[in-house]
Structure formats: C-alpha cells, structure tokens
Amino acid sequence: MRFALAGLSLLVLFASALITPLAAQSPDQMPYAALASTKFMTLPVLPSCMTISAQRGDPMKGAAVLLLKIKSGCIVPWHWHTANENLMMVSGTGKSEMSGGAHTMAMGDYLYLAGKEIHQFTCISSCLVFDVIDDAFDIHYVDKDGNEIPVEQALKTTAKPAAAKKP
C-alpha cells in the first residue's frame, strides 16, 4: 500500500504537465492532435525510455486517451492498473505478456487488458501506442510472485542494452 501511495504522489506531481490543452476542451468538442506538435514527457513512475502525452481527458481524474512513445529495447516491467486498457499499436513492434500468454504487436494491432491484470510490455522497435483508459491512471509494479514492489526496484532494468555489432 505504501508503494502505491508513493507512486501516486510522484504521479500527481507531474499531472499538470501531462495534461495537454486538449484536456481542457468540453466533451462536445471534436479534438485534433497533430503528432508533429504533440508534447511528450516522462513520468517518474514509468521507465525513462517511455514518454507519454494525454490526447484527450485528464488521466489523473478518469478516462483518457494517451499516446505512448517507447524506445526500442524499453521494458515496462510486470505491473497492473486499476483501469481497463485498450491498446492500439500505431507503429513499431512490441511484445505484450500476460499470465495467459504473450502477443507480438505490430502496426494496427489491438489488445484489451482488463483492470488488475498483471502484464508487461517490451518495445522491440520504436513503438507508438494509443492507450485508452476507462478510469484514472495508476501503476502497481509486482515481482515474479505477484507481490507489489517499489517503483525504484521495478525500474532498475527497464531498457535492454543494445546488442554489440560484429566488427
């Protein structure tokens, strides 16, 4: 519980910077977000090799559409969220792992993750992913036994080193 509160505190600190001007629009407005002008940022509760931008909604308060940019080799370690997630791979290739198996995701692929389902994500090659959440964002990292662990412990090894090239 204390790990969740610490992670939540860090997340709240950066909430205002995460929310784009689109979040301030009323629900009846049709938002437009050009990728070229989208501002991404890191969050202390996520691997530094992953950046995020709220495209619509306020993920600190409820449902939102998020755009995730994840570098090749980046790993988002085993974790779960309270909210359900709808993932759509825009570009790149990634691997989503759950207790029931793994899926390699490519451009156009969709994956639904139920709230509290433990999973991890590895970006194989420069990933751009839409993540539509139906409740406020939180993240709870777990060890191999499913026990919650501190953010710092979970994020120790979140990017695989690049493979050495042969001379």
N, C-alpha and C. Protein backbone atom coordinates (compact mmCIF):
# COMPACT_ATOMS: atom_id res chain seq x y z
N MET A 1 0.82 -1.19 0.00
CA MET A 1 0.00 0.00 0.00
C MET A 1 0.87 1.26 0.00
N ARG A 2 1.94 1.25 0.81
CA ARG A 2 2.78 2.44 0.86
C ARG A 2 3.47 2.69 -0.47
N PHE A 3 3.75 1.61 -1.24
CA PHE A 3 4.37 1.78 -2.54
C PHE A 3 3.40 2.45 -3.51
N ALA A 4 2.14 2.06 -3.43
CA ALA A 4 1.13 2.66 -4.30
C ALA A 4 0.97 4.14 -3.98
N LEU A 5 0.98 4.49 -2.71
CA LEU A 5 0.85 5.89 -2.31
C LEU A 5 2.06 6.70 -2.74
N ALA A 6 3.26 6.15 -2.63
CA ALA A 6 4.46 6.86 -3.06
C ALA A 6 4.42 7.08 -4.57
N GLY A 7 4.05 6.05 -5.32
CA GLY A 7 3.94 6.18 -6.77
C GLY A 7 2.88 7.18 -7.16
N LEU A 8 1.76 7.17 -6.44
CA LEU A 8 0.68 8.10 -6.73
C LEU A 8 1.13 9.53 -6.45
N SER A 9 1.88 9.73 -5.39
CA SER A 9 2.36 11.07 -5.07
C SER A 9 3.26 11.60 -6.17
N LEU A 10 4.17 10.75 -6.67
CA LEU A 10 5.04 11.17 -7.76
C LEU A 10 4.24 11.47 -9.01
N LEU A 11 3.24 10.66 -9.27
CA LEU A 11 2.41 10.84 -10.46
C LEU A 11 1.64 12.15 -10.39
N VAL A 12 1.09 12.47 -9.24
CA VAL A 12 0.32 13.69 -9.08
C VAL A 12 1.19 14.92 -9.30
N LEU A 13 2.46 14.85 -8.88
CA LEU A 13 3.37 15.97 -9.07
C LEU A 13 3.48 16.38 -10.54
N PHE A 14 3.44 15.39 -11.41
CA PHE A 14 3.62 15.66 -12.82
C PHE A 14 2.32 15.71 -13.61
N ALA A 15 1.21 15.59 -12.95
CA ALA A 15 -0.09 15.53 -13.62
C ALA A 15 -0.38 16.78 -14.45
N SER A 16 -0.09 17.94 -13.91
CA SER A 16 -0.42 19.18 -14.62
C SER A 16 0.38 19.31 -15.91
N ALA A 17 1.62 18.85 -15.91
CA ALA A 17 2.43 18.92 -17.12
C ALA A 17 1.99 17.89 -18.15
N LEU A 18 1.40 16.80 -17.71
CA LEU A 18 0.97 15.74 -18.61
C LEU A 18 -0.24 16.15 -19.43
N ILE A 19 -1.11 16.93 -18.85
CA ILE A 19 -2.36 17.26 -19.49
C ILE A 19 -2.14 18.33 -20.56
N THR A 20 -2.52 18.01 -21.78
CA THR A 20 -2.37 18.95 -22.89
C THR A 20 -3.57 19.88 -22.93
N PRO A 21 -3.50 20.93 -23.73
CA PRO A 21 -4.66 21.82 -23.86
C PRO A 21 -5.94 21.09 -24.30
N LEU A 22 -5.80 19.94 -24.95
CA LEU A 22 -6.98 19.19 -25.37
C LEU A 22 -7.81 18.75 -24.18
N ALA A 23 -7.17 18.49 -23.07
CA ALA A 23 -7.89 18.03 -21.89
C ALA A 23 -8.86 19.07 -21.37
N ALA A 24 -8.61 20.33 -21.67
CA ALA A 24 -9.46 21.41 -21.20
C ALA A 24 -10.71 21.57 -22.08
N GLN A 25 -10.75 20.92 -23.22
CA GLN A 25 -11.90 21.05 -24.11
C GLN A 25 -13.13 20.40 -23.49
N SER A 26 -14.27 20.93 -23.84
CA SER A 26 -15.51 20.34 -23.35
C SER A 26 -15.77 19.04 -24.11
N PRO A 27 -16.57 18.14 -23.53
CA PRO A 27 -16.81 16.83 -24.15
C PRO A 27 -17.47 16.91 -25.52
N ASP A 28 -18.15 18.01 -25.83
CA ASP A 28 -18.83 18.10 -27.12
C ASP A 28 -17.93 18.65 -28.23
N GLN A 29 -16.70 19.01 -27.92
CA GLN A 29 -15.78 19.48 -28.93
C GLN A 29 -15.03 18.30 -29.54
N MET A 30 -14.76 18.39 -30.84
CA MET A 30 -14.00 17.36 -31.51
C MET A 30 -12.54 17.77 -31.47
N PRO A 31 -11.71 17.07 -30.68
CA PRO A 31 -10.31 17.46 -30.58
C PRO A 31 -9.50 17.00 -31.78
N TYR A 32 -8.44 17.70 -32.03
CA TYR A 32 -7.48 17.31 -33.05
C TYR A 32 -6.10 17.46 -32.44
N ALA A 33 -5.29 16.46 -32.57
CA ALA A 33 -3.94 16.50 -32.03
C ALA A 33 -2.97 16.04 -33.11
N ALA A 34 -2.21 16.97 -33.66
CA ALA A 34 -1.22 16.63 -34.68
C ALA A 34 -0.01 16.00 -33.99
N LEU A 35 0.44 14.88 -34.50
CA LEU A 35 1.58 14.21 -33.90
C LEU A 35 2.80 15.12 -33.88
N ALA A 36 2.98 15.90 -34.93
CA ALA A 36 4.15 16.77 -35.02
C ALA A 36 4.22 17.80 -33.89
N SER A 37 3.08 18.19 -33.35
CA SER A 37 3.09 19.20 -32.29
C SER A 37 2.74 18.61 -30.91
N THR A 38 2.63 17.29 -30.84
CA THR A 38 2.32 16.64 -29.57
C THR A 38 3.54 16.72 -28.66
N LYS A 39 3.30 17.13 -27.43
CA LYS A 39 4.38 17.22 -26.44
C LYS A 39 4.35 15.97 -25.55
N PHE A 40 5.46 15.28 -25.53
CA PHE A 40 5.60 14.08 -24.72
C PHE A 40 6.45 14.39 -23.49
N MET A 41 6.21 13.67 -22.42
CA MET A 41 7.03 13.83 -21.22
C MET A 41 7.22 12.49 -20.53
N THR A 42 8.26 12.44 -19.71
CA THR A 42 8.49 11.25 -18.89
C THR A 42 7.77 11.44 -17.57
N LEU A 43 7.47 10.34 -16.94
CA LEU A 43 6.88 10.36 -15.59
C LEU A 43 7.80 9.53 -14.69
N PRO A 44 7.99 9.95 -13.45
CA PRO A 44 8.89 9.22 -12.57
C PRO A 44 8.42 7.81 -12.23
N VAL A 45 7.16 7.49 -12.48
CA VAL A 45 6.65 6.14 -12.19
C VAL A 45 6.72 5.23 -13.40
N LEU A 46 7.26 5.75 -14.51
CA LEU A 46 7.40 4.97 -15.74
C LEU A 46 8.87 4.91 -16.14
N PRO A 47 9.27 3.92 -16.91
CA PRO A 47 10.66 3.87 -17.38
C PRO A 47 11.01 5.14 -18.15
N SER A 48 12.25 5.61 -18.03
CA SER A 48 12.67 6.84 -18.71
C SER A 48 12.72 6.67 -20.22
N CYS A 49 12.69 5.44 -20.71
CA CYS A 49 12.70 5.16 -22.15
C CYS A 49 11.29 5.24 -22.75
N MET A 50 10.33 5.68 -21.94
CA MET A 50 8.93 5.79 -22.36
C MET A 50 8.45 7.20 -22.06
N THR A 51 7.80 7.82 -23.06
CA THR A 51 7.20 9.14 -22.84
C THR A 51 5.71 9.03 -23.12
N ILE A 52 4.97 10.00 -22.61
CA ILE A 52 3.51 9.92 -22.64
C ILE A 52 2.92 11.30 -22.92
N SER A 53 1.77 11.31 -23.59
CA SER A 53 1.04 12.55 -23.84
C SER A 53 -0.46 12.26 -23.76
N ALA A 54 -1.15 13.07 -22.97
CA ALA A 54 -2.61 12.94 -22.90
C ALA A 54 -3.20 13.62 -24.13
N GLN A 55 -3.92 12.87 -24.94
CA GLN A 55 -4.54 13.40 -26.15
C GLN A 55 -5.95 13.93 -25.87
N ARG A 56 -6.59 13.31 -24.90
CA ARG A 56 -7.94 13.74 -24.51
C ARG A 56 -8.21 13.24 -23.10
N GLY A 57 -8.85 14.07 -22.30
CA GLY A 57 -9.19 13.70 -20.94
C GLY A 57 -8.06 13.99 -19.97
N ASP A 58 -8.34 13.79 -18.72
CA ASP A 58 -7.37 14.00 -17.65
C ASP A 58 -7.13 12.66 -16.98
N PRO A 59 -6.01 12.00 -17.29
CA PRO A 59 -5.76 10.67 -16.75
C PRO A 59 -5.61 10.63 -15.23
N MET A 60 -5.47 11.77 -14.59
CA MET A 60 -5.39 11.80 -13.13
C MET A 60 -6.78 11.74 -12.50
N LYS A 61 -7.80 12.05 -13.32
CA LYS A 61 -9.17 12.11 -12.80
C LYS A 61 -10.09 11.01 -13.33
N GLY A 62 -9.77 10.48 -14.51
CA GLY A 62 -10.67 9.49 -15.09
C GLY A 62 -10.24 9.05 -16.47
N ALA A 63 -11.22 8.66 -17.26
CA ALA A 63 -10.97 8.13 -18.60
C ALA A 63 -10.15 9.11 -19.43
N ALA A 64 -9.27 8.57 -20.27
CA ALA A 64 -8.42 9.41 -21.10
C ALA A 64 -7.89 8.61 -22.28
N VAL A 65 -7.44 9.36 -23.28
CA VAL A 65 -6.75 8.78 -24.43
C VAL A 65 -5.29 9.23 -24.31
N LEU A 66 -4.40 8.27 -24.21
CA LEU A 66 -2.98 8.56 -24.05
C LEU A 66 -2.22 8.09 -25.28
N LEU A 67 -1.17 8.81 -25.62
CA LEU A 67 -0.28 8.38 -26.69
C LEU A 67 1.07 8.09 -26.03
N LEU A 68 1.57 6.88 -26.22
CA LEU A 68 2.81 6.44 -25.60
C LEU A 68 3.89 6.30 -26.67
N LYS A 69 5.06 6.86 -26.39
CA LYS A 69 6.21 6.71 -27.29
C LYS A 69 7.25 5.93 -26.49
N ILE A 70 7.63 4.77 -27.02
CA ILE A 70 8.51 3.87 -26.29
C ILE A 70 9.70 3.51 -27.18
N LYS A 71 10.90 3.68 -26.63
CA LYS A 71 12.12 3.41 -27.39
C LYS A 71 12.37 1.91 -27.54
N SER A 72 13.05 1.56 -28.62
CA SER A 72 13.44 0.17 -28.86
C SER A 72 14.21 -0.37 -27.66
N GLY A 73 13.87 -1.58 -27.24
CA GLY A 73 14.54 -2.22 -26.12
C GLY A 73 13.98 -1.86 -24.75
N CYS A 74 13.05 -0.92 -24.70
CA CYS A 74 12.46 -0.47 -23.43
C CYS A 74 11.51 -1.54 -22.89
N ILE A 75 11.60 -1.77 -21.60
CA ILE A 75 10.72 -2.73 -20.94
C ILE A 75 9.91 -2.00 -19.87
N VAL A 76 8.60 -2.15 -19.92
CA VAL A 76 7.74 -1.69 -18.82
C VAL A 76 7.49 -2.96 -18.02
N PRO A 77 8.17 -3.09 -16.84
CA PRO A 77 8.13 -4.35 -16.10
C PRO A 77 6.74 -4.76 -15.63
N TRP A 78 6.66 -5.98 -15.14
CA TRP A 78 5.39 -6.55 -14.68
C TRP A 78 4.67 -5.57 -13.76
N HIS A 79 3.39 -5.34 -14.08
CA HIS A 79 2.58 -4.37 -13.33
C HIS A 79 1.10 -4.60 -13.61
N TRP A 80 0.28 -3.83 -12.94
CA TRP A 80 -1.16 -3.81 -13.21
C TRP A 80 -1.68 -2.40 -12.97
N HIS A 81 -2.86 -2.13 -13.52
CA HIS A 81 -3.56 -0.85 -13.37
C HIS A 81 -4.97 -1.14 -12.86
N THR A 82 -5.55 -0.17 -12.18
CA THR A 82 -6.95 -0.30 -11.77
C THR A 82 -7.86 -0.23 -13.00
N ALA A 83 -7.54 0.68 -13.91
CA ALA A 83 -8.36 0.89 -15.11
C ALA A 83 -8.16 -0.22 -16.14
N ASN A 84 -9.17 -0.43 -16.97
CA ASN A 84 -9.05 -1.27 -18.14
C ASN A 84 -8.26 -0.48 -19.18
N GLU A 85 -7.49 -1.18 -20.01
CA GLU A 85 -6.71 -0.54 -21.06
C GLU A 85 -7.08 -1.10 -22.42
N ASN A 86 -7.16 -0.22 -23.39
CA ASN A 86 -7.34 -0.59 -24.79
C ASN A 86 -6.10 -0.09 -25.52
N LEU A 87 -5.24 -1.01 -25.96
CA LEU A 87 -4.00 -0.63 -26.62
C LEU A 87 -4.12 -0.80 -28.12
N MET A 88 -3.67 0.20 -28.88
CA MET A 88 -3.64 0.12 -30.34
C MET A 88 -2.25 0.52 -30.79
N MET A 89 -1.55 -0.40 -31.45
CA MET A 89 -0.20 -0.14 -31.92
C MET A 89 -0.27 0.72 -33.18
N VAL A 90 0.28 1.93 -33.09
CA VAL A 90 0.29 2.85 -34.23
C VAL A 90 1.45 2.52 -35.14
N SER A 91 2.63 2.33 -34.55
CA SER A 91 3.81 1.98 -35.33
C SER A 91 4.80 1.24 -34.45
N GLY A 92 5.72 0.55 -35.10
CA GLY A 92 6.72 -0.22 -34.37
C GLY A 92 6.24 -1.63 -34.09
N THR A 93 7.01 -2.32 -33.27
CA THR A 93 6.69 -3.68 -32.88
C THR A 93 6.95 -3.82 -31.38
N GLY A 94 6.02 -4.46 -30.69
CA GLY A 94 6.17 -4.66 -29.26
C GLY A 94 5.68 -6.03 -28.85
N LYS A 95 6.00 -6.39 -27.63
CA LYS A 95 5.57 -7.68 -27.09
C LYS A 95 4.83 -7.43 -25.78
N SER A 96 3.58 -7.86 -25.72
CA SER A 96 2.78 -7.76 -24.50
C SER A 96 2.70 -9.15 -23.89
N GLU A 97 3.02 -9.22 -22.60
CA GLU A 97 2.99 -10.51 -21.90
C GLU A 97 2.01 -10.42 -20.74
N MET A 98 1.18 -11.45 -20.61
CA MET A 98 0.23 -11.58 -19.53
C MET A 98 0.37 -12.99 -18.98
N SER A 99 -0.33 -13.27 -17.89
CA SER A 99 -0.25 -14.62 -17.32
C SER A 99 -0.74 -15.67 -18.31
N GLY A 100 -1.65 -15.30 -19.20
CA GLY A 100 -2.21 -16.24 -20.15
C GLY A 100 -1.42 -16.39 -21.43
N GLY A 101 -0.31 -15.69 -21.57
CA GLY A 101 0.47 -15.81 -22.79
C GLY A 101 1.03 -14.47 -23.24
N ALA A 102 1.61 -14.48 -24.42
CA ALA A 102 2.25 -13.28 -24.97
C ALA A 102 1.73 -13.01 -26.38
N HIS A 103 1.77 -11.75 -26.76
CA HIS A 103 1.36 -11.33 -28.11
C HIS A 103 2.40 -10.38 -28.66
N THR A 104 2.87 -10.66 -29.86
CA THR A 104 3.71 -9.69 -30.55
C THR A 104 2.77 -8.76 -31.28
N MET A 105 2.94 -7.46 -31.03
CA MET A 105 2.04 -6.47 -31.60
C MET A 105 2.76 -5.67 -32.69
N ALA A 106 2.07 -5.47 -33.81
CA ALA A 106 2.60 -4.68 -34.91
C ALA A 106 1.56 -3.60 -35.26
N MET A 107 1.91 -2.74 -36.20
CA MET A 107 1.05 -1.64 -36.58
C MET A 107 -0.39 -2.12 -36.82
N GLY A 108 -1.33 -1.45 -36.16
CA GLY A 108 -2.74 -1.76 -36.33
C GLY A 108 -3.29 -2.80 -35.36
N ASP A 109 -2.43 -3.48 -34.63
CA ASP A 109 -2.90 -4.50 -33.69
C ASP A 109 -3.54 -3.86 -32.46
N TYR A 110 -4.51 -4.56 -31.90
CA TYR A 110 -5.28 -4.09 -30.75
C TYR A 110 -5.19 -5.13 -29.64
N LEU A 111 -5.13 -4.63 -28.39
CA LEU A 111 -5.12 -5.52 -27.24
C LEU A 111 -5.92 -4.89 -26.12
N TYR A 112 -6.81 -5.68 -25.53
CA TYR A 112 -7.59 -5.24 -24.36
C TYR A 112 -6.98 -5.87 -23.12
N LEU A 113 -6.70 -5.05 -22.11
CA LEU A 113 -6.19 -5.54 -20.83
C LEU A 113 -7.17 -5.15 -19.74
N ALA A 114 -7.75 -6.13 -19.09
CA ALA A 114 -8.69 -5.87 -18.00
C ALA A 114 -7.96 -5.27 -16.81
N GLY A 115 -8.64 -4.40 -16.08
CA GLY A 115 -8.06 -3.82 -14.87
C GLY A 115 -7.55 -4.92 -13.95
N LYS A 116 -6.45 -4.66 -13.31
CA LYS A 116 -5.79 -5.54 -12.33
C LYS A 116 -5.18 -6.79 -12.96
N GLU A 117 -5.16 -6.86 -14.30
CA GLU A 117 -4.49 -7.98 -14.97
C GLU A 117 -2.99 -7.66 -15.02
N ILE A 118 -2.17 -8.55 -14.47
CA ILE A 118 -0.73 -8.33 -14.44
C ILE A 118 -0.16 -8.56 -15.84
N HIS A 119 0.66 -7.61 -16.28
CA HIS A 119 1.24 -7.68 -17.62
C HIS A 119 2.55 -6.90 -17.66
N GLN A 120 3.29 -7.09 -18.76
CA GLN A 120 4.46 -6.27 -19.03
C GLN A 120 4.54 -6.03 -20.52
N PHE A 121 5.29 -4.99 -20.91
CA PHE A 121 5.41 -4.64 -22.31
C PHE A 121 6.87 -4.40 -22.63
N THR A 122 7.31 -4.95 -23.76
CA THR A 122 8.66 -4.72 -24.26
C THR A 122 8.54 -4.15 -25.66
N CYS A 123 9.19 -3.01 -25.88
CA CYS A 123 9.20 -2.43 -27.23
C CYS A 123 10.37 -3.05 -27.99
N ILE A 124 10.04 -3.70 -29.08
CA ILE A 124 11.07 -4.35 -29.90
C ILE A 124 11.68 -3.34 -30.85
N SER A 125 10.83 -2.53 -31.49
CA SER A 125 11.35 -1.47 -32.37
C SER A 125 10.44 -0.26 -32.30
N SER A 126 11.00 0.87 -31.89
CA SER A 126 10.34 2.17 -31.76
C SER A 126 8.82 2.11 -31.80
N CYS A 127 8.21 2.10 -30.64
CA CYS A 127 6.77 1.90 -30.52
C CYS A 127 6.02 3.21 -30.30
N LEU A 128 4.93 3.36 -30.99
CA LEU A 128 3.98 4.44 -30.77
C LEU A 128 2.64 3.75 -30.55
N VAL A 129 2.04 3.96 -29.37
CA VAL A 129 0.87 3.19 -28.97
C VAL A 129 -0.20 4.12 -28.39
N PHE A 130 -1.44 3.96 -28.85
CA PHE A 130 -2.56 4.62 -28.19
C PHE A 130 -3.00 3.73 -27.04
N ASP A 131 -3.25 4.34 -25.89
CA ASP A 131 -3.73 3.64 -24.71
C ASP A 131 -4.97 4.37 -24.22
N VAL A 132 -6.11 3.75 -24.39
CA VAL A 132 -7.38 4.34 -23.95
C VAL A 132 -7.74 3.69 -22.63
N ILE A 133 -7.78 4.51 -21.58
CA ILE A 133 -8.08 4.00 -20.24
C ILE A 133 -9.47 4.46 -19.83
N ASP A 134 -10.16 3.64 -19.04
CA ASP A 134 -11.54 3.98 -18.68
C ASP A 134 -11.67 4.49 -17.24
N ASP A 135 -10.54 4.75 -16.60
CA ASP A 135 -10.54 5.29 -15.23
C ASP A 135 -9.19 5.98 -15.02
N ALA A 136 -8.99 6.58 -13.88
CA ALA A 136 -7.76 7.30 -13.60
C ALA A 136 -6.55 6.38 -13.71
N PHE A 137 -5.43 6.96 -14.14
CA PHE A 137 -4.19 6.20 -14.33
C PHE A 137 -3.52 5.93 -12.99
N ASP A 138 -3.10 4.70 -12.81
CA ASP A 138 -2.22 4.30 -11.72
C ASP A 138 -1.39 3.14 -12.23
N ILE A 139 -0.31 2.83 -11.55
CA ILE A 139 0.52 1.70 -11.94
C ILE A 139 1.08 1.07 -10.67
N HIS A 140 0.96 -0.26 -10.62
CA HIS A 140 1.41 -1.03 -9.47
C HIS A 140 2.37 -2.10 -9.98
N TYR A 141 3.65 -1.95 -9.70
CA TYR A 141 4.65 -2.92 -10.14
C TYR A 141 4.66 -4.12 -9.19
N VAL A 142 4.95 -5.29 -9.76
CA VAL A 142 4.97 -6.52 -8.97
C VAL A 142 6.23 -7.33 -9.28
N ASP A 143 6.61 -8.18 -8.33
CA ASP A 143 7.75 -9.08 -8.54
C ASP A 143 7.25 -10.37 -9.19
N LYS A 144 8.14 -11.34 -9.35
CA LYS A 144 7.79 -12.59 -10.04
C LYS A 144 6.70 -13.38 -9.33
N ASP A 145 6.49 -13.10 -8.04
CA ASP A 145 5.45 -13.78 -7.28
C ASP A 145 4.14 -12.99 -7.22
N GLY A 146 4.10 -11.82 -7.88
CA GLY A 146 2.90 -11.01 -7.89
C GLY A 146 2.77 -10.07 -6.71
N ASN A 147 3.83 -9.95 -5.90
CA ASN A 147 3.81 -9.03 -4.76
C ASN A 147 4.21 -7.64 -5.21
N GLU A 148 3.50 -6.64 -4.73
CA GLU A 148 3.79 -5.26 -5.11
C GLU A 148 5.18 -4.86 -4.63
N ILE A 149 5.90 -4.15 -5.51
CA ILE A 149 7.26 -3.69 -5.20
C ILE A 149 7.36 -2.19 -5.46
N PRO A 150 8.35 -1.52 -4.85
CA PRO A 150 8.51 -0.08 -5.07
C PRO A 150 8.88 0.23 -6.51
N VAL A 151 8.51 1.42 -6.95
CA VAL A 151 8.80 1.89 -8.31
C VAL A 151 10.30 1.77 -8.59
N GLU A 152 11.13 2.24 -7.66
CA GLU A 152 12.58 2.24 -7.85
C GLU A 152 13.11 0.84 -8.13
N GLN A 153 12.60 -0.13 -7.42
CA GLN A 153 13.04 -1.52 -7.62
C GLN A 153 12.59 -2.03 -8.99
N ALA A 154 11.38 -1.72 -9.36
CA ALA A 154 10.84 -2.19 -10.64
C ALA A 154 11.57 -1.59 -11.83
N LEU A 155 11.98 -0.33 -11.70
CA LEU A 155 12.56 0.38 -12.85
C LEU A 155 14.08 0.25 -12.95
N LYS A 156 14.69 -0.59 -12.14
CA LYS A 156 16.15 -0.74 -12.19
C LYS A 156 16.65 -1.18 -13.56
N THR A 157 15.95 -2.09 -14.20
CA THR A 157 16.40 -2.61 -15.50
C THR A 157 15.25 -2.54 -16.50
N THR A 158 14.99 -1.34 -17.00
CA THR A 158 13.85 -1.18 -17.90
C THR A 158 14.24 -1.03 -19.36
N ALA A 159 15.51 -0.98 -19.66
CA ALA A 159 15.94 -0.92 -21.06
C ALA A 159 17.06 -1.92 -21.26
N LYS A 160 16.88 -2.78 -22.24
CA LYS A 160 17.92 -3.75 -22.55
C LYS A 160 19.05 -3.02 -23.26
N PRO A 161 20.31 -3.35 -22.96
CA PRO A 161 21.41 -2.72 -23.70
C PRO A 161 21.38 -3.17 -25.15
N ALA A 162 21.78 -2.28 -26.02
CA ALA A 162 21.80 -2.61 -27.45
C ALA A 162 22.80 -3.72 -27.69
N ALA A 163 22.48 -4.62 -28.59
CA ALA A 163 23.37 -5.72 -28.91
C ALA A 163 24.64 -5.18 -29.57
N ALA A 164 25.76 -5.74 -29.20
CA ALA A 164 27.04 -5.30 -29.79
C ALA A 164 27.10 -5.75 -31.25
N LYS A 165 27.57 -4.85 -32.09
CA LYS A 165 27.69 -5.18 -33.51
C LYS A 165 29.01 -5.88 -33.75
N LYS A 166 29.00 -6.84 -34.66
CA LYS A 166 30.22 -7.55 -35.01
C LYS A 166 31.10 -6.65 -35.85
N PRO A 167 32.44 -6.70 -35.60
CA PRO A 167 33.37 -5.84 -36.37
C PRO A 167 33.45 -6.27 -37.81
